[in-house]
Amino acid sequence: MAGNCMLPMKFNRSWQWENTWLVFSIVSLVFLPWTFALCFVNHLFDAYRTLSLVQFAVPFLFGAGWGIAQVLFGISVARLGLGLAYAIIVGLGALLGTLVPLFTQHRSQVGATALSEILAGVAVMMIGISLSTAGGQIRERSQRPAPSSGPANGYATAVLLAILCGLMAPMLNYSFAFGQDAAQQAELLGNSASSSAYAVWPIGLAGGFLPNIAYSLYLLRKKKSWKLFQAPAPDIFWSVLMGVLWMGAMALYGMSATYLGSFGTSIGWGMFQIFMIMTAALSGVMMSEWKGAPRTARFLLGLGLVCLTGATTLLAMGNH
């Protein structure tokens, strides 16, 4: 679901990015998190009342950091191109999102064999991401004219911006991992572990909502694209579908993290990133995005997908 959540944007007819993103943000970061939490978590507000200000602030602030990363992602892609920006941002996001919760929360629980398998899985995952994004970069260069080279310091700034985005991107997982106090309180009130996971999302995603909505409103005002909302169909459907796919993916990730046990927010995040990347790549193939791509690009994509499959196996072995 996460790998395909941006796909509906391809079918927009009249809306600009900011129109779509405004609706997407409201649906995915406000409406659906609260709907899921209210439907699946009994005594939700009783659980929230037991939390301290710090227990609210930690997931909220991590969510806000992720929201800033969302904005930086769009800027980085515009300055560096999808291939390089994706390699830096997704690579760092997958790496840190997997390892930080593992070493900060569960290091004492990991045996030597399991740690070796997990680290090997992360290494193979990074190789797979690098290979597949290299293939994508070659494909982009073959299908589009090379951008005019800007000043060296401008390029360096863009790379640093992408690195900053990559460092902040896994904060969504930190928000969930370090916001488990809400889930634990919900579980104490009689909810199942999988249902209690829904209690975390309204807090963390509220933080992520602020930067996303602020940037969308800024662009709507700057480009005067408010008037495009006068023609909502069918673009509003695609925007809502994006939100449903994205939040649906996060809800399933939250449930799966509980089923995976102690390492769910580390190994689970790595697997989530792997399948998101693989799905997005295969959807691109099915949408004919790779039609006419150089043989080298297709070979690198295939090799990258093989590595990502191997990484999944290693991470699963480490969680056994």
C-alpha atoms as a PDB file:
ATOM      1  CA  MET A   1       0.000   0.000   0.000  1.00  0.00           C
ATOM      2  CA  ALA A   2       2.801   2.422   0.862  1.00  0.00           C
ATOM      3  CA  GLY A   3       4.663   1.625  -2.359  1.00  0.00           C
ATOM      4  CA  ASN A   4       1.593   2.552  -4.392  1.00  0.00           C
ATOM      5  CA  CYS A   5       0.251   5.449  -2.321  1.00  0.00           C
ATOM      6  CA  MET A   6       1.704   8.127  -4.633  1.00  0.00           C
ATOM      7  CA  LEU A   7       0.546   6.339  -7.786  1.00  0.00           C
ATOM      8  CA  PRO A   8      -2.931   7.971  -7.893  1.00  0.00           C
ATOM      9  CA  MET A   9      -1.247  11.374  -8.310  1.00  0.00           C
ATOM     10  CA  LYS A  10      -0.390  10.352 -11.878  1.00  0.00           C
ATOM     11  CA  PHE A  11      -4.095  10.461 -12.758  1.00  0.00           C
ATOM     12  CA  ASN A  12      -4.761  14.035 -11.616  1.00  0.00           C
ATOM     13  CA  ARG A  13      -6.332  16.204 -14.311  1.00  0.00           C
ATOM     14  CA  SER A  14      -6.306  19.771 -13.041  1.00  0.00           C
ATOM     15  CA  TRP A  15      -5.046  19.939  -9.457  1.00  0.00           C
ATOM     16  CA  GLN A  16      -1.504  20.998  -8.673  1.00  0.00           C
ATOM     17  CA  TRP A  17       0.730  19.222  -6.158  1.00  0.00           C
ATOM     18  CA  GLU A  18      -0.336  21.482  -3.303  1.00  0.00           C
ATOM     19  CA  ASN A  19      -4.061  20.881  -3.904  1.00  0.00           C
ATOM     20  CA  THR A  20      -3.536  17.148  -3.818  1.00  0.00           C
ATOM     21  CA  TRP A  21      -1.209  17.305  -0.819  1.00  0.00           C
ATOM     22  CA  LEU A  22      -3.637  19.386   1.244  1.00  0.00           C
ATOM     23  CA  VAL A  23      -6.416  16.811   0.862  1.00  0.00           C
ATOM     24  CA  PHE A  24      -3.976  13.916   1.244  1.00  0.00           C
ATOM     25  CA  SER A  25      -2.597  15.383   4.489  1.00  0.00           C
ATOM     26  CA  ILE A  26      -6.026  15.974   6.026  1.00  0.00           C
ATOM     27  CA  VAL A  27      -7.203  12.451   5.170  1.00  0.00           C
ATOM     28  CA  SER A  28      -4.033  10.551   6.090  1.00  0.00           C
ATOM     29  CA  LEU A  29      -2.744  12.565   9.062  1.00  0.00           C
ATOM     30  CA  VAL A  30      -5.956  13.662  10.786  1.00  0.00           C
ATOM     31  CA  PHE A  31      -9.166  11.976   9.656  1.00  0.00           C
ATOM     32  CA  LEU A  32      -8.055   8.343   9.336  1.00  0.00           C
ATOM     33  CA  PRO A  33      -5.740   8.155  12.407  1.00  0.00           C
ATOM     34  CA  TRP A  34      -8.517   9.451  14.641  1.00  0.00           C
ATOM     35  CA  THR A  35     -11.128   7.258  12.939  1.00  0.00           C
ATOM     36  CA  PHE A  36      -9.029   4.115  13.455  1.00  0.00           C
ATOM     37  CA  ALA A  37      -8.166   5.028  17.035  1.00  0.00           C
ATOM     38  CA  LEU A  38     -11.777   5.773  17.995  1.00  0.00           C
ATOM     39  CA  CYS A  39     -13.052   2.613  16.297  1.00  0.00           C
ATOM     40  CA  PHE A  40     -10.449   0.133  17.545  1.00  0.00           C
ATOM     41  CA  VAL A  41      -9.299   1.470  20.944  1.00  0.00           C
ATOM     42  CA  ASN A  42     -11.784   1.308  23.789  1.00  0.00           C
ATOM     43  CA  HIS A  43     -11.412   4.013  26.468  1.00  0.00           C
ATOM     44  CA  LEU A  44      -9.025   5.942  24.193  1.00  0.00           C
ATOM     45  CA  PHE A  45      -9.274   9.242  26.059  1.00  0.00           C
ATOM     46  CA  ASP A  46      -8.928   7.476  29.411  1.00  0.00           C
ATOM     47  CA  ALA A  47      -5.604   6.117  28.131  1.00  0.00           C
ATOM     48  CA  TYR A  48      -4.555   9.590  26.994  1.00  0.00           C
ATOM     49  CA  ARG A  49      -5.434  11.131  30.363  1.00  0.00           C
ATOM     50  CA  THR A  50      -2.862   8.917  32.084  1.00  0.00           C
ATOM     51  CA  LEU A  51      -0.003  10.213  29.910  1.00  0.00           C
ATOM     52  CA  SER A  52       2.358  12.935  31.048  1.00  0.00           C
ATOM     53  CA  LEU A  53       3.229  15.958  28.929  1.00  0.00           C
ATOM     54  CA  VAL A  54       6.569  14.365  28.027  1.00  0.00           C
ATOM     55  CA  GLN A  55       4.853  11.165  26.900  1.00  0.00           C
ATOM     56  CA  PHE A  56       2.722  13.263  24.550  1.00  0.00           C
ATOM     57  CA  ALA A  57       5.564  15.505  23.441  1.00  0.00           C
ATOM     58  CA  VAL A  58       8.026  12.789  22.379  1.00  0.00           C
ATOM     59  CA  PRO A  59       5.891  11.161  19.638  1.00  0.00           C
ATOM     60  CA  PHE A  60       4.457  14.554  18.644  1.00  0.00           C
ATOM     61  CA  LEU A  61       7.879  16.132  18.134  1.00  0.00           C
ATOM     62  CA  PHE A  62       9.245  13.116  16.271  1.00  0.00           C
ATOM     63  CA  GLY A  63       6.154  13.292  14.075  1.00  0.00           C
ATOM     64  CA  ALA A  64       6.822  16.978  13.423  1.00  0.00           C
ATOM     65  CA  GLY A  65      10.403  16.141  12.432  1.00  0.00           C
ATOM     66  CA  TRP A  66       9.099  13.574   9.965  1.00  0.00           C
ATOM     67  CA  GLY A  67       6.656  16.162   8.603  1.00  0.00           C
ATOM     68  CA  ILE A  68       9.555  18.538   7.909  1.00  0.00           C
ATOM     69  CA  ALA A  69      11.346  15.667   6.161  1.00  0.00           C
ATOM     70  CA  GLN A  70       8.304  15.207   3.907  1.00  0.00           C
ATOM     71  CA  VAL A  71       8.620  18.802   2.763  1.00  0.00           C
ATOM     72  CA  LEU A  72      12.393  18.516   2.315  1.00  0.00           C
ATOM     73  CA  PHE A  73      11.903  15.376   0.228  1.00  0.00           C
ATOM     74  CA  GLY A  74       9.958  17.288  -2.413  1.00  0.00           C
ATOM     75  CA  ILE A  75      12.572  20.068  -2.465  1.00  0.00           C
ATOM     76  CA  SER A  76      15.452  17.555  -2.676  1.00  0.00           C
ATOM     77  CA  VAL A  77      13.880  15.700  -5.603  1.00  0.00           C
ATOM     78  CA  ALA A  78      13.377  18.988  -7.455  1.00  0.00           C
ATOM     79  CA  ARG A  79      17.050  19.971  -6.966  1.00  0.00           C
ATOM     80  CA  LEU A  80      18.822  16.606  -7.292  1.00  0.00           C
ATOM     81  CA  GLY A  81      16.467  14.452  -9.337  1.00  0.00           C
ATOM     82  CA  LEU A  82      14.575  11.434  -8.078  1.00  0.00           C
ATOM     83  CA  GLY A  83      17.410   8.914  -8.392  1.00  0.00           C
ATOM     84  CA  LEU A  84      20.030  10.593  -6.202  1.00  0.00           C
ATOM     85  CA  ALA A  85      17.538  12.102  -3.739  1.00  0.00           C
ATOM     86  CA  TYR A  86      15.792   8.742  -3.329  1.00  0.00           C
ATOM     87  CA  ALA A  87      19.083   6.930  -2.729  1.00  0.00           C
ATOM     88  CA  ILE A  88      20.158   9.363   0.004  1.00  0.00           C
ATOM     89  CA  ILE A  89      16.808   9.809   1.719  1.00  0.00           C
ATOM     90  CA  VAL A  90      15.361   6.300   1.556  1.00  0.00           C
ATOM     91  CA  GLY A  91      18.759   4.757   2.279  1.00  0.00           C
ATOM     92  CA  LEU A  92      19.312   6.805   5.433  1.00  0.00           C
ATOM     93  CA  GLY A  93      15.670   6.449   6.458  1.00  0.00           C
ATOM     94  CA  ALA A  94      15.729   2.664   6.166  1.00  0.00           C
ATOM     95  CA  LEU A  95      19.132   2.352   7.864  1.00  0.00           C
ATOM     96  CA  LEU A  96      18.467   4.615  10.846  1.00  0.00           C
ATOM     97  CA  GLY A  97      14.823   3.631  11.196  1.00  0.00           C
ATOM     98  CA  THR A  98      15.909   0.016  11.610  1.00  0.00           C
ATOM     99  CA  LEU A  99      18.998   0.417  13.779  1.00  0.00           C
ATOM    100  CA  VAL A 100      18.129   3.289  16.139  1.00  0.00           C
ATOM    101  CA  PRO A 101      15.143   1.567  17.824  1.00  0.00           C
ATOM    102  CA  LEU A 102      17.112  -1.698  17.909  1.00  0.00           C
ATOM    103  CA  PHE A 103      20.138  -0.271  19.727  1.00  0.00           C
ATOM    104  CA  THR A 104      18.319   2.229  21.944  1.00  0.00           C
ATOM    105  CA  GLN A 105      15.447   0.014  23.073  1.00  0.00           C
ATOM    106  CA  HIS A 106      16.383  -3.639  22.600  1.00  0.00           C
ATOM    107  CA  ARG A 107      20.178  -3.980  22.462  1.00  0.00           C
ATOM    108  CA  SER A 108      20.313  -6.128  25.599  1.00  0.00           C
ATOM    109  CA  GLN A 109      17.735  -8.526  24.145  1.00  0.00           C
ATOM    110  CA  VAL A 110      19.644  -9.258  20.935  1.00  0.00           C
ATOM    111  CA  GLY A 111      21.906 -12.293  20.902  1.00  0.00           C
ATOM    112  CA  ALA A 112      25.157 -12.363  18.939  1.00  0.00           C
ATOM    113  CA  THR A 113      23.769 -14.602  16.170  1.00  0.00           C
ATOM    114  CA  ALA A 114      20.577 -12.577  15.783  1.00  0.00           C
ATOM    115  CA  LEU A 115      22.545  -9.309  15.752  1.00  0.00           C
ATOM    116  CA  SER A 116      24.828 -10.651  13.001  1.00  0.00           C
ATOM    117  CA  GLU A 117      21.814 -11.679  10.913  1.00  0.00           C
ATOM    118  CA  ILE A 118      20.112  -8.330  11.431  1.00  0.00           C
ATOM    119  CA  LEU A 119      23.225  -6.315  10.550  1.00  0.00           C
ATOM    120  CA  ALA A 120      23.821  -8.522   7.500  1.00  0.00           C
ATOM    121  CA  GLY A 121      20.208  -7.962   6.474  1.00  0.00           C
ATOM    122  CA  VAL A 122      20.597  -4.198   6.863  1.00  0.00           C
ATOM    123  CA  ALA A 123      23.833  -4.261   4.812  1.00  0.00           C
ATOM    124  CA  VAL A 124      22.193  -6.260   2.011  1.00  0.00           C
ATOM    125  CA  MET A 125      19.184  -3.945   2.180  1.00  0.00           C
ATOM    126  CA  MET A 126      21.437  -0.915   1.659  1.00  0.00           C
ATOM    127  CA  ILE A 127      23.120  -2.629  -1.295  1.00  0.00           C
ATOM    128  CA  GLY A 128      19.712  -3.405  -2.786  1.00  0.00           C
ATOM    129  CA  ILE A 129      18.531   0.194  -2.360  1.00  0.00           C
ATOM    130  CA  SER A 130      21.758   1.497  -3.928  1.00  0.00           C
ATOM    131  CA  LEU A 131      21.523  -0.830  -6.923  1.00  0.00           C
ATOM    132  CA  SER A 132      17.859  -0.175  -7.623  1.00  0.00           C
ATOM    133  CA  THR A 133      18.235   3.597  -7.293  1.00  0.00           C
ATOM    134  CA  ALA A 134      21.331   3.509  -9.529  1.00  0.00           C
ATOM    135  CA  GLY A 135      19.251   1.734 -12.132  1.00  0.00           C
ATOM    136  CA  GLY A 136      16.545   4.357 -11.743  1.00  0.00           C
ATOM    137  CA  GLN A 137      19.072   7.146 -12.161  1.00  0.00           C
ATOM    138  CA  ILE A 138      20.407   5.626 -15.392  1.00  0.00           C
ATOM    139  CA  ARG A 139      16.837   5.274 -16.658  1.00  0.00           C
ATOM    140  CA  GLU A 140      16.081   8.925 -15.809  1.00  0.00           C
ATOM    141  CA  ARG A 141      19.171  10.150 -17.644  1.00  0.00           C
ATOM    142  CA  SER A 142      18.268   8.136 -20.745  1.00  0.00           C
ATOM    143  CA  GLN A 143      14.701   9.471 -20.843  1.00  0.00           C
ATOM    144  CA  ARG A 144      15.268  13.125 -19.929  1.00  0.00           C
ATOM    145  CA  PRO A 145      17.803  15.706 -21.012  1.00  0.00           C
ATOM    146  CA  ALA A 146      20.542  16.324 -18.480  1.00  0.00           C
ATOM    147  CA  PRO A 147      19.763  19.328 -16.265  1.00  0.00           C
ATOM    148  CA  SER A 148      21.923  22.359 -16.665  1.00  0.00           C
ATOM    149  CA  SER A 149      24.649  22.375 -14.070  1.00  0.00           C
ATOM    150  CA  GLY A 150      24.220  24.958 -11.383  1.00  0.00           C
ATOM    151  CA  PRO A 151      26.812  26.412  -9.049  1.00  0.00           C
ATOM    152  CA  ALA A 152      28.871  23.853  -7.124  1.00  0.00           C
ATOM    153  CA  ASN A 153      27.833  25.331  -3.800  1.00  0.00           C
ATOM    154  CA  GLY A 154      24.163  25.056  -4.845  1.00  0.00           C
ATOM    155  CA  TYR A 155      24.611  21.361  -5.578  1.00  0.00           C
ATOM    156  CA  ALA A 156      26.427  20.790  -2.288  1.00  0.00           C
ATOM    157  CA  THR A 157      23.604  22.563  -0.449  1.00  0.00           C
ATOM    158  CA  ALA A 158      21.052  20.334  -2.184  1.00  0.00           C
ATOM    159  CA  VAL A 159      22.981  17.207  -1.164  1.00  0.00           C
ATOM    160  CA  LEU A 160      23.203  18.415   2.444  1.00  0.00           C
ATOM    161  CA  LEU A 161      19.467  19.120   2.355  1.00  0.00           C
ATOM    162  CA  ALA A 162      18.821  15.558   1.160  1.00  0.00           C
ATOM    163  CA  ILE A 163      21.059  14.170   3.937  1.00  0.00           C
ATOM    164  CA  LEU A 164      19.147  16.229   6.511  1.00  0.00           C
ATOM    165  CA  CYS A 165      15.906  14.881   5.071  1.00  0.00           C
ATOM    166  CA  GLY A 166      17.269  11.330   5.284  1.00  0.00           C
ATOM    167  CA  LEU A 167      18.227  11.844   8.928  1.00  0.00           C
ATOM    168  CA  MET A 168      14.726  13.099   9.746  1.00  0.00           C
ATOM    169  CA  ALA A 169      12.715  10.703   7.565  1.00  0.00           C
ATOM    170  CA  PRO A 170      12.747   7.764  10.033  1.00  0.00           C
ATOM    171  CA  MET A 171      11.358  10.018  12.765  1.00  0.00           C
ATOM    172  CA  LEU A 172       7.929   8.643  11.875  1.00  0.00           C
ATOM    173  CA  ASN A 173       9.147   5.266  13.099  1.00  0.00           C
ATOM    174  CA  TYR A 174      10.756   6.890  16.153  1.00  0.00           C
ATOM    175  CA  SER A 175       7.390   8.507  16.880  1.00  0.00           C
ATOM    176  CA  PHE A 176       5.736   5.095  16.890  1.00  0.00           C
ATOM    177  CA  ALA A 177       8.579   3.294  18.672  1.00  0.00           C
ATOM    178  CA  PHE A 178       9.054   5.881  21.419  1.00  0.00           C
ATOM    179  CA  GLY A 179       5.334   6.634  21.688  1.00  0.00           C
ATOM    180  CA  GLN A 180       4.404   3.185  22.938  1.00  0.00           C
ATOM    181  CA  ASP A 181       3.342   4.573  26.330  1.00  0.00           C
ATOM    182  CA  ALA A 182      -0.034   5.394  24.778  1.00  0.00           C
ATOM    183  CA  ALA A 183      -0.366   1.856  23.430  1.00  0.00           C
ATOM    184  CA  GLN A 184       0.649   0.335  26.761  1.00  0.00           C
ATOM    185  CA  GLN A 185      -1.920   2.394  28.637  1.00  0.00           C
ATOM    186  CA  ALA A 186      -4.604   1.356  26.136  1.00  0.00           C
ATOM    187  CA  GLU A 187      -3.614  -2.281  26.652  1.00  0.00           C
ATOM    188  CA  LEU A 188      -3.910  -1.902  30.433  1.00  0.00           C
ATOM    189  CA  LEU A 189      -7.498  -0.755  29.873  1.00  0.00           C
ATOM    190  CA  GLY A 190      -8.368  -4.061  28.205  1.00  0.00           C
ATOM    191  CA  ASN A 191      -7.463  -3.542  24.547  1.00  0.00           C
ATOM    192  CA  SER A 192      -5.489  -6.118  22.598  1.00  0.00           C
ATOM    193  CA  ALA A 193      -1.885  -5.318  21.689  1.00  0.00           C
ATOM    194  CA  SER A 194      -2.710  -4.968  17.988  1.00  0.00           C
ATOM    195  CA  SER A 195      -5.656  -2.642  18.672  1.00  0.00           C
ATOM    196  CA  SER A 196      -3.690  -0.574  21.181  1.00  0.00           C
ATOM    197  CA  ALA A 197      -1.161   0.335  18.469  1.00  0.00           C
ATOM    198  CA  TYR A 198      -3.776   2.622  16.934  1.00  0.00           C
ATOM    199  CA  ALA A 199      -3.596   4.879  20.007  1.00  0.00           C
ATOM    200  CA  VAL A 200      -0.135   6.123  19.011  1.00  0.00           C
ATOM    201  CA  TRP A 201      -0.908   7.423  15.519  1.00  0.00           C
ATOM    202  CA  PRO A 202      -3.175  10.430  16.329  1.00  0.00           C
ATOM    203  CA  ILE A 203      -0.422  11.890  18.536  1.00  0.00           C
ATOM    204  CA  GLY A 204       2.553  11.353  16.230  1.00  0.00           C
ATOM    205  CA  LEU A 205       0.760  12.225  13.014  1.00  0.00           C
ATOM    206  CA  ALA A 206      -0.629  15.422  14.534  1.00  0.00           C
ATOM    207  CA  GLY A 207       2.984  16.599  14.690  1.00  0.00           C
ATOM    208  CA  GLY A 208       3.549  15.533  11.093  1.00  0.00           C
ATOM    209  CA  PHE A 209       0.403  17.314   9.964  1.00  0.00           C
ATOM    210  CA  LEU A 210       1.640  20.789  10.880  1.00  0.00           C
ATOM    211  CA  PRO A 211       4.626  21.087   8.464  1.00  0.00           C
ATOM    212  CA  ASN A 212       2.724  19.365   5.651  1.00  0.00           C
ATOM    213  CA  ILE A 213      -0.333  21.560   5.935  1.00  0.00           C
ATOM    214  CA  ALA A 214       1.764  24.713   6.369  1.00  0.00           C
ATOM    215  CA  TYR A 215       3.768  24.010   3.202  1.00  0.00           C
ATOM    216  CA  SER A 216       0.626  23.174   1.218  1.00  0.00           C
ATOM    217  CA  LEU A 217      -1.076  26.408   2.313  1.00  0.00           C
ATOM    218  CA  TYR A 218       2.091  28.389   1.500  1.00  0.00           C
ATOM    219  CA  LEU A 219       2.146  27.004  -2.053  1.00  0.00           C
ATOM    220  CA  LEU A 220      -1.601  27.483  -2.515  1.00  0.00           C
ATOM    221  CA  ARG A 221      -1.202  31.150  -1.620  1.00  0.00           C
ATOM    222  CA  LYS A 222       2.001  31.675  -3.568  1.00  0.00           C
ATOM    223  CA  LYS A 223       0.755  30.025  -6.781  1.00  0.00           C
ATOM    224  CA  LYS A 224      -2.877  31.127  -6.345  1.00  0.00           C
ATOM    225  CA  SER A 225      -4.006  27.560  -6.947  1.00  0.00           C
ATOM    226  CA  TRP A 226      -6.942  27.703  -4.523  1.00  0.00           C
ATOM    227  CA  LYS A 227      -9.279  28.179  -7.498  1.00  0.00           C
ATOM    228  CA  LEU A 228      -8.491  24.667  -8.731  1.00  0.00           C
ATOM    229  CA  PHE A 229     -10.599  23.283  -5.878  1.00  0.00           C
ATOM    230  CA  GLN A 230     -13.625  24.500  -7.861  1.00  0.00           C
ATOM    231  CA  ALA A 231     -13.164  21.463 -10.126  1.00  0.00           C
ATOM    232  CA  PRO A 232     -12.802  18.648  -7.583  1.00  0.00           C
ATOM    233  CA  ALA A 233     -13.755  15.571  -9.617  1.00  0.00           C
ATOM    234  CA  PRO A 234     -11.969  13.243 -10.186  1.00  0.00           C
ATOM    235  CA  ASP A 235      -8.846  14.658  -8.512  1.00  0.00           C
ATOM    236  CA  ILE A 236     -10.342  14.639  -5.026  1.00  0.00           C
ATOM    237  CA  PHE A 237     -10.956  10.895  -5.380  1.00  0.00           C
ATOM    238  CA  TRP A 238      -7.299  10.249  -6.231  1.00  0.00           C
ATOM    239  CA  SER A 239      -6.141  12.461  -3.350  1.00  0.00           C
ATOM    240  CA  VAL A 240      -8.368  10.655  -0.851  1.00  0.00           C
ATOM    241  CA  LEU A 241      -7.221   7.294  -2.229  1.00  0.00           C
ATOM    242  CA  MET A 242      -3.610   8.338  -1.617  1.00  0.00           C
ATOM    243  CA  GLY A 243      -4.462   9.069   1.997  1.00  0.00           C
ATOM    244  CA  VAL A 244      -6.298   5.758   2.435  1.00  0.00           C
ATOM    245  CA  LEU A 245      -3.392   3.772   0.985  1.00  0.00           C
ATOM    246  CA  TRP A 246      -0.769   5.598   3.058  1.00  0.00           C
ATOM    247  CA  MET A 247      -2.575   5.487   6.397  1.00  0.00           C
ATOM    248  CA  GLY A 248      -3.730   1.941   5.697  1.00  0.00           C
ATOM    249  CA  ALA A 249      -0.083   0.983   5.269  1.00  0.00           C
ATOM    250  CA  MET A 250       0.908   2.660   8.528  1.00  0.00           C
ATOM    251  CA  ALA A 251      -1.968   1.015  10.399  1.00  0.00           C
ATOM    252  CA  LEU A 252      -0.911  -2.409   9.124  1.00  0.00           C
ATOM    253  CA  TYR A 253       2.711  -1.664  10.011  1.00  0.00           C
ATOM    254  CA  GLY A 254       1.664  -0.759  13.553  1.00  0.00           C
ATOM    255  CA  MET A 255      -0.250  -4.035  13.899  1.00  0.00           C
ATOM    256  CA  SER A 256       2.549  -6.114  12.389  1.00  0.00           C
ATOM    257  CA  ALA A 257       5.111  -4.511  14.700  1.00  0.00           C
ATOM    258  CA  THR A 258       3.192  -5.877  17.686  1.00  0.00           C
ATOM    259  CA  TYR A 259       3.037  -9.369  16.161  1.00  0.00           C
ATOM    260  CA  LEU A 260       6.798  -9.332  15.468  1.00  0.00           C
ATOM    261  CA  GLY A 261       7.513  -8.893  19.176  1.00  0.00           C
ATOM    262  CA  SER A 262      10.272  -6.853  20.781  1.00  0.00           C
ATOM    263  CA  PHE A 263      12.046  -6.068  17.513  1.00  0.00           C
ATOM    264  CA  GLY A 264       8.893  -5.091  15.636  1.00  0.00           C
ATOM    265  CA  THR A 265       9.740  -1.390  15.402  1.00  0.00           C
ATOM    266  CA  SER A 266      13.252  -2.112  14.098  1.00  0.00           C
ATOM    267  CA  ILE A 267      13.131  -5.258  11.973  1.00  0.00           C
ATOM    268  CA  GLY A 268       9.519  -4.528  11.082  1.00  0.00           C
ATOM    269  CA  TRP A 269      10.501  -1.071   9.816  1.00  0.00           C
ATOM    270  CA  GLY A 270      13.284  -2.550   7.690  1.00  0.00           C
ATOM    271  CA  MET A 271      10.891  -5.050   6.113  1.00  0.00           C
ATOM    272  CA  PHE A 272       8.314  -2.322   5.601  1.00  0.00           C
ATOM    273  CA  GLN A 273      10.853  -0.184   3.727  1.00  0.00           C
ATOM    274  CA  ILE A 274      12.003  -3.155   1.638  1.00  0.00           C
ATOM    275  CA  PHE A 275       8.523  -4.084   0.453  1.00  0.00           C
ATOM    276  CA  MET A 276       7.627  -0.432  -0.134  1.00  0.00           C
ATOM    277  CA  ILE A 277      10.644  -0.017  -2.415  1.00  0.00           C
ATOM    278  CA  MET A 278      10.016  -3.318  -4.220  1.00  0.00           C
ATOM    279  CA  THR A 279       6.340  -2.520  -4.749  1.00  0.00           C
ATOM    280  CA  ALA A 280       7.070   0.977  -6.034  1.00  0.00           C
ATOM    281  CA  ALA A 281       9.677  -0.416  -8.456  1.00  0.00           C
ATOM    282  CA  LEU A 282       7.401  -3.168  -9.757  1.00  0.00           C
ATOM    283  CA  SER A 283       4.502  -0.726 -10.106  1.00  0.00           C
ATOM    284  CA  GLY A 284       6.790   1.468 -12.196  1.00  0.00           C
ATOM    285  CA  VAL A 285       7.551  -1.502 -14.426  1.00  0.00           C
ATOM    286  CA  MET A 286       3.834  -2.274 -14.807  1.00  0.00           C
ATOM    287  CA  MET A 287       3.115   1.386 -15.619  1.00  0.00           C
ATOM    288  CA  SER A 288       5.669   1.158 -18.477  1.00  0.00           C
ATOM    289  CA  GLU A 289       8.048   3.593 -16.773  1.00  0.00           C
ATOM    290  CA  TRP A 290      10.947   1.243 -17.602  1.00  0.00           C
ATOM    291  CA  LYS A 291       9.947   0.735 -21.220  1.00  0.00           C
ATOM    292  CA  GLY A 292      12.933   1.537 -23.404  1.00  0.00           C
ATOM    293  CA  ALA A 293      15.278   1.850 -20.408  1.00  0.00           C
ATOM    294  CA  PRO A 294      18.908   0.823 -21.027  1.00  0.00           C
ATOM    295  CA  ARG A 295      19.767  -2.801 -20.344  1.00  0.00           C
ATOM    296  CA  THR A 296      22.175  -1.731 -17.596  1.00  0.00           C
ATOM    297  CA  ALA A 297      19.368   0.090 -15.767  1.00  0.00           C
ATOM    298  CA  ARG A 298      17.083  -2.937 -15.936  1.00  0.00           C
ATOM    299  CA  PHE A 299      19.886  -5.247 -14.782  1.00  0.00           C
ATOM    300  CA  LEU A 300      20.662  -3.048 -11.781  1.00  0.00           C
ATOM    301  CA  LEU A 301      16.967  -2.878 -10.865  1.00  0.00           C
ATOM    302  CA  GLY A 302      16.646  -6.660 -11.020  1.00  0.00           C
ATOM    303  CA  LEU A 303      19.822  -7.181  -9.004  1.00  0.00           C
ATOM    304  CA  GLY A 304      18.633  -4.652  -6.434  1.00  0.00           C
ATOM    305  CA  LEU A 305      15.304  -6.473  -6.045  1.00  0.00           C
ATOM    306  CA  VAL A 306      17.156  -9.769  -5.553  1.00  0.00           C
ATOM    307  CA  CYS A 307      19.241  -8.157  -2.791  1.00  0.00           C
ATOM    308  CA  LEU A 308      16.140  -6.742  -1.131  1.00  0.00           C
ATOM    309  CA  THR A 309      14.561 -10.202  -1.170  1.00  0.00           C
ATOM    310  CA  GLY A 310      17.682 -11.617   0.472  1.00  0.00           C
ATOM    311  CA  ALA A 311      17.625  -8.830   3.055  1.00  0.00           C
ATOM    312  CA  THR A 312      14.059  -9.765   3.969  1.00  0.00           C
ATOM    313  CA  THR A 313      15.163 -13.336   4.662  1.00  0.00           C
ATOM    314  CA  LEU A 314      18.096 -12.233   6.830  1.00  0.00           C
ATOM    315  CA  LEU A 315      15.945  -9.812   8.866  1.00  0.00           C
ATOM    316  CA  ALA A 316      13.307 -12.494   9.382  1.00  0.00           C
ATOM    317  CA  MET A 317      16.012 -14.911  10.590  1.00  0.00           C
ATOM    318  CA  GLY A 318      17.276 -12.272  13.025  1.00  0.00           C
ATOM    319  CA  ASN A 319      13.781 -11.900  14.483  1.00  0.00           C
ATOM    320  CA  HIS A 320      13.275 -15.668  14.954  1.00  0.00           C
END
